[in-house]
Amino acid sequence: MNRFGLFCTEKSGYAVPLESIARILQGGAIYRLPLGGGDCLPVLVMADRVVPIAEPENSEKWHSAGADCYFVITDSEYGLLALPSDLPGRITAKGECVPRDTDDAPWVVGRYRFQDFVYSILNVDCLAMSMAERYGSRTVPQG
């Protein structure tokens, strides 16, 4: 049985396999780390670690949300990765998994229907790999 953490942003919802979730953090110090070439990597400072923030849908709302924003800290093959969320989310195994749409991003591996809402199931390893490819060797080292 698959269990997922379900989270929402202003544009859509996403599901993360429960075993990939390290913690859920409310608020936090958010910075945009300049990487050269005009790129900036959004990062979250959590305790003594710098955690890259994934932007699966390029949402700007959470950039200044402060304490009102939640971050789902996931453990990927590339280290920790933070995903923004408007709400703290919920854990469930009662939904239905359905195939992904053909126009979904590569890190969306399927859909999860729960209470009349469809969430994108994220592969956090694929999302982290996509970020590493985008930023190359300029990514933030995990502390």
C-alpha atoms as a PDB file:
ATOM      1  CA  MET A   1       0.000   0.000   0.000  1.00  0.00           C
ATOM      2  CA  ASN A   2       1.377   3.417  -0.969  1.00  0.00           C
ATOM      3  CA  ARG A   3       1.214   6.196   1.591  1.00  0.00           C
ATOM      4  CA  PHE A   4       1.681   9.804   0.559  1.00  0.00           C
ATOM      5  CA  GLY A   5       2.044  13.203   2.113  1.00  0.00           C
ATOM      6  CA  LEU A   6      -0.367  15.534   0.303  1.00  0.00           C
ATOM      7  CA  PHE A   7       0.514  19.213  -0.016  1.00  0.00           C
ATOM      8  CA  CYS A   8      -0.840  22.229  -1.909  1.00  0.00           C
ATOM      9  CA  THR A   9       0.515  25.451  -3.328  1.00  0.00           C
ATOM     10  CA  GLU A  10      -1.444  28.284  -4.896  1.00  0.00           C
ATOM     11  CA  LYS A  11      -1.492  26.535  -8.286  1.00  0.00           C
ATOM     12  CA  SER A  12      -1.788  22.815  -7.613  1.00  0.00           C
ATOM     13  CA  GLY A  13      -1.287  19.925  -5.251  1.00  0.00           C
ATOM     14  CA  TYR A  14       1.483  17.399  -5.036  1.00  0.00           C
ATOM     15  CA  ALA A  15       1.983  14.046  -3.351  1.00  0.00           C
ATOM     16  CA  VAL A  16       5.292  12.855  -1.950  1.00  0.00           C
ATOM     17  CA  PRO A  17       5.885   9.223  -0.966  1.00  0.00           C
ATOM     18  CA  LEU A  18       5.961   9.095   2.824  1.00  0.00           C
ATOM     19  CA  GLU A  19       9.384   7.461   2.977  1.00  0.00           C
ATOM     20  CA  SER A  20      10.882  10.510   1.183  1.00  0.00           C
ATOM     21  CA  ILE A  21       9.664  13.052   3.775  1.00  0.00           C
ATOM     22  CA  ALA A  22      12.294  13.939   6.381  1.00  0.00           C
ATOM     23  CA  ARG A  23      10.291  16.664   8.154  1.00  0.00           C
ATOM     24  CA  ILE A  24       7.823  19.508   7.714  1.00  0.00           C
ATOM     25  CA  LEU A  25       9.016  22.963   8.672  1.00  0.00           C
ATOM     26  CA  GLN A  26       6.933  26.091   9.191  1.00  0.00           C
ATOM     27  CA  GLY A  27       8.559  29.303   8.017  1.00  0.00           C
ATOM     28  CA  GLY A  28      12.317  29.676   7.901  1.00  0.00           C
ATOM     29  CA  ALA A  29      14.992  31.991   6.579  1.00  0.00           C
ATOM     30  CA  ILE A  30      14.782  32.060   2.780  1.00  0.00           C
ATOM     31  CA  TYR A  31      17.543  33.465   0.570  1.00  0.00           C
ATOM     32  CA  ARG A  32      18.270  33.632  -3.138  1.00  0.00           C
ATOM     33  CA  LEU A  33      21.821  32.480  -3.670  1.00  0.00           C
ATOM     34  CA  PRO A  34      23.405  34.085  -6.774  1.00  0.00           C
ATOM     35  CA  LEU A  35      25.133  31.466  -8.917  1.00  0.00           C
ATOM     36  CA  GLY A  36      26.482  33.557 -11.765  1.00  0.00           C
ATOM     37  CA  GLY A  37      25.132  33.810 -15.264  1.00  0.00           C
ATOM     38  CA  GLY A  38      22.013  35.514 -13.920  1.00  0.00           C
ATOM     39  CA  ASP A  39      20.786  32.393 -12.102  1.00  0.00           C
ATOM     40  CA  CYS A  40      19.737  32.394  -8.467  1.00  0.00           C
ATOM     41  CA  LEU A  41      19.057  29.323  -6.379  1.00  0.00           C
ATOM     42  CA  PRO A  42      16.414  29.742  -3.668  1.00  0.00           C
ATOM     43  CA  VAL A  43      17.635  28.190  -0.430  1.00  0.00           C
ATOM     44  CA  LEU A  44      16.250  27.639   3.033  1.00  0.00           C
ATOM     45  CA  VAL A  45      18.479  27.840   6.091  1.00  0.00           C
ATOM     46  CA  MET A  46      17.488  25.079   8.491  1.00  0.00           C
ATOM     47  CA  ALA A  47      19.532  24.853  11.686  1.00  0.00           C
ATOM     48  CA  ASP A  48      23.106  24.746  10.340  1.00  0.00           C
ATOM     49  CA  ARG A  49      22.212  23.470   6.869  1.00  0.00           C
ATOM     50  CA  VAL A  50      21.515  25.188   3.575  1.00  0.00           C
ATOM     51  CA  VAL A  51      18.703  23.353   1.763  1.00  0.00           C
ATOM     52  CA  PRO A  52      17.862  24.091  -1.890  1.00  0.00           C
ATOM     53  CA  ILE A  53      14.200  24.900  -2.518  1.00  0.00           C
ATOM     54  CA  ALA A  54      12.627  23.129  -5.472  1.00  0.00           C
ATOM     55  CA  GLU A  55      10.285  25.210  -7.576  1.00  0.00           C
ATOM     56  CA  PRO A  56       8.232  22.577  -9.395  1.00  0.00           C
ATOM     57  CA  GLU A  57       5.804  25.206 -10.681  1.00  0.00           C
ATOM     58  CA  ASN A  58       7.834  28.427 -10.357  1.00  0.00           C
ATOM     59  CA  SER A  59       5.523  29.837  -7.708  1.00  0.00           C
ATOM     60  CA  GLU A  60       6.647  33.173  -6.299  1.00  0.00           C
ATOM     61  CA  LYS A  61       4.094  33.480  -3.466  1.00  0.00           C
ATOM     62  CA  TRP A  62       6.128  31.616  -0.855  1.00  0.00           C
ATOM     63  CA  HIS A  63       9.283  33.695  -1.432  1.00  0.00           C
ATOM     64  CA  SER A  64       8.018  36.312   1.010  1.00  0.00           C
ATOM     65  CA  ALA A  65       5.520  34.196   2.929  1.00  0.00           C
ATOM     66  CA  GLY A  66       7.640  33.912   6.070  1.00  0.00           C
ATOM     67  CA  ALA A  67       5.947  32.037   8.900  1.00  0.00           C
ATOM     68  CA  ASP A  68       2.797  31.413   6.822  1.00  0.00           C
ATOM     69  CA  CYS A  69       4.629  29.056   4.466  1.00  0.00           C
ATOM     70  CA  TYR A  70       5.449  25.426   5.132  1.00  0.00           C
ATOM     71  CA  PHE A  71       8.316  23.478   3.635  1.00  0.00           C
ATOM     72  CA  VAL A  72       8.296  19.750   3.081  1.00  0.00           C
ATOM     73  CA  ILE A  73      11.894  18.670   3.626  1.00  0.00           C
ATOM     74  CA  THR A  74      12.547  15.614   1.501  1.00  0.00           C
ATOM     75  CA  ASP A  75      15.521  13.296   1.473  1.00  0.00           C
ATOM     76  CA  SER A  76      16.629  12.674  -2.101  1.00  0.00           C
ATOM     77  CA  GLU A  77      19.630  10.840  -3.529  1.00  0.00           C
ATOM     78  CA  TYR A  78      21.195  14.299  -3.928  1.00  0.00           C
ATOM     79  CA  GLY A  79      20.612  15.355  -0.312  1.00  0.00           C
ATOM     80  CA  LEU A  80      17.869  17.370   1.335  1.00  0.00           C
ATOM     81  CA  LEU A  81      15.426  19.302  -0.827  1.00  0.00           C
ATOM     82  CA  ALA A  82      12.670  21.676   0.346  1.00  0.00           C
ATOM     83  CA  LEU A  83       9.269  21.861  -1.354  1.00  0.00           C
ATOM     84  CA  PRO A  84       7.001  24.839  -0.576  1.00  0.00           C
ATOM     85  CA  SER A  85       3.456  24.267   0.667  1.00  0.00           C
ATOM     86  CA  ASP A  86       0.608  26.578   1.669  1.00  0.00           C
ATOM     87  CA  LEU A  87      -0.670  24.156   4.304  1.00  0.00           C
ATOM     88  CA  PRO A  88       0.995  21.599   6.569  1.00  0.00           C
ATOM     89  CA  GLY A  89      -0.578  18.784   4.520  1.00  0.00           C
ATOM     90  CA  ARG A  90      -1.913  15.369   5.398  1.00  0.00           C
ATOM     91  CA  ILE A  91      -0.837  11.738   5.276  1.00  0.00           C
ATOM     92  CA  THR A  92      -3.073   9.222   3.528  1.00  0.00           C
ATOM     93  CA  ALA A  93      -3.174   5.841   1.836  1.00  0.00           C
ATOM     94  CA  LYS A  94      -6.855   6.024   0.858  1.00  0.00           C
ATOM     95  CA  GLY A  95      -6.567   7.609  -2.572  1.00  0.00           C
ATOM     96  CA  GLU A  96      -6.264   6.137  -6.035  1.00  0.00           C
ATOM     97  CA  CYS A  97      -3.096   6.229  -8.155  1.00  0.00           C
ATOM     98  CA  VAL A  98      -3.624   6.993 -11.841  1.00  0.00           C
ATOM     99  CA  PRO A  99      -1.163   7.376 -14.768  1.00  0.00           C
ATOM    100  CA  ARG A 100       0.595  10.667 -15.388  1.00  0.00           C
ATOM    101  CA  ASP A 101      -0.423  13.024 -18.172  1.00  0.00           C
ATOM    102  CA  THR A 102       1.778  13.062 -21.258  1.00  0.00           C
ATOM    103  CA  ASP A 103       2.599  16.761 -20.787  1.00  0.00           C
ATOM    104  CA  ASP A 104       3.685  16.410 -17.132  1.00  0.00           C
ATOM    105  CA  ALA A 105       7.184  17.365 -16.052  1.00  0.00           C
ATOM    106  CA  PRO A 106       9.620  14.421 -15.894  1.00  0.00           C
ATOM    107  CA  TRP A 107       9.576  14.412 -12.076  1.00  0.00           C
ATOM    108  CA  VAL A 108       5.795  13.815 -12.023  1.00  0.00           C
ATOM    109  CA  VAL A 109       5.472  10.026 -12.024  1.00  0.00           C
ATOM    110  CA  GLY A 110       1.709   9.760 -11.701  1.00  0.00           C
ATOM    111  CA  ARG A 111      -1.432  11.255 -10.228  1.00  0.00           C
ATOM    112  CA  TYR A 112      -3.116  10.590  -6.897  1.00  0.00           C
ATOM    113  CA  ARG A 113      -6.844  11.160  -6.473  1.00  0.00           C
ATOM    114  CA  PHE A 114      -8.031  11.920  -2.961  1.00  0.00           C
ATOM    115  CA  GLN A 115     -11.334  13.550  -1.948  1.00  0.00           C
ATOM    116  CA  ASP A 116     -12.161  14.958  -5.401  1.00  0.00           C
ATOM    117  CA  PHE A 117      -8.723  16.525  -5.847  1.00  0.00           C
ATOM    118  CA  VAL A 118      -5.890  15.264  -8.048  1.00  0.00           C
ATOM    119  CA  TYR A 119      -2.318  15.579  -6.782  1.00  0.00           C
ATOM    120  CA  SER A 120       0.866  15.181  -8.859  1.00  0.00           C
ATOM    121  CA  ILE A 121       3.043  12.388  -7.453  1.00  0.00           C
ATOM    122  CA  LEU A 122       6.597  13.728  -7.326  1.00  0.00           C
ATOM    123  CA  ASN A 123       9.764  11.709  -7.689  1.00  0.00           C
ATOM    124  CA  VAL A 124      12.035  13.836  -5.486  1.00  0.00           C
ATOM    125  CA  ASP A 125      15.179  12.131  -6.810  1.00  0.00           C
ATOM    126  CA  CYS A 126      14.257  13.096 -10.380  1.00  0.00           C
ATOM    127  CA  LEU A 127      13.374  16.650  -9.276  1.00  0.00           C
ATOM    128  CA  ALA A 128      16.712  16.998  -7.457  1.00  0.00           C
ATOM    129  CA  MET A 129      18.551  15.610 -10.498  1.00  0.00           C
ATOM    130  CA  SER A 130      16.786  18.144 -12.716  1.00  0.00           C
ATOM    131  CA  MET A 131      17.902  20.944 -10.395  1.00  0.00           C
ATOM    132  CA  ALA A 132      21.484  19.615 -10.422  1.00  0.00           C
ATOM    133  CA  GLU A 133      21.443  19.578 -14.227  1.00  0.00           C
ATOM    134  CA  ARG A 134      20.021  23.101 -14.350  1.00  0.00           C
ATOM    135  CA  TYR A 135      22.529  24.585 -11.928  1.00  0.00           C
ATOM    136  CA  GLY A 136      25.416  22.249 -12.747  1.00  0.00           C
ATOM    137  CA  SER A 137      28.355  22.354 -10.385  1.00  0.00           C
ATOM    138  CA  ARG A 138      27.069  25.631  -8.966  1.00  0.00           C
ATOM    139  CA  THR A 139      24.591  23.880  -6.631  1.00  0.00           C
ATOM    140  CA  VAL A 140      24.784  24.372  -2.911  1.00  0.00           C
ATOM    141  CA  PRO A 141      26.857  21.748  -1.131  1.00  0.00           C
ATOM    142  CA  GLN A 142      24.913  19.838   1.512  1.00  0.00           C
ATOM    143  CA  GLY A 143      26.253  20.638   4.995  1.00  0.00           C
END
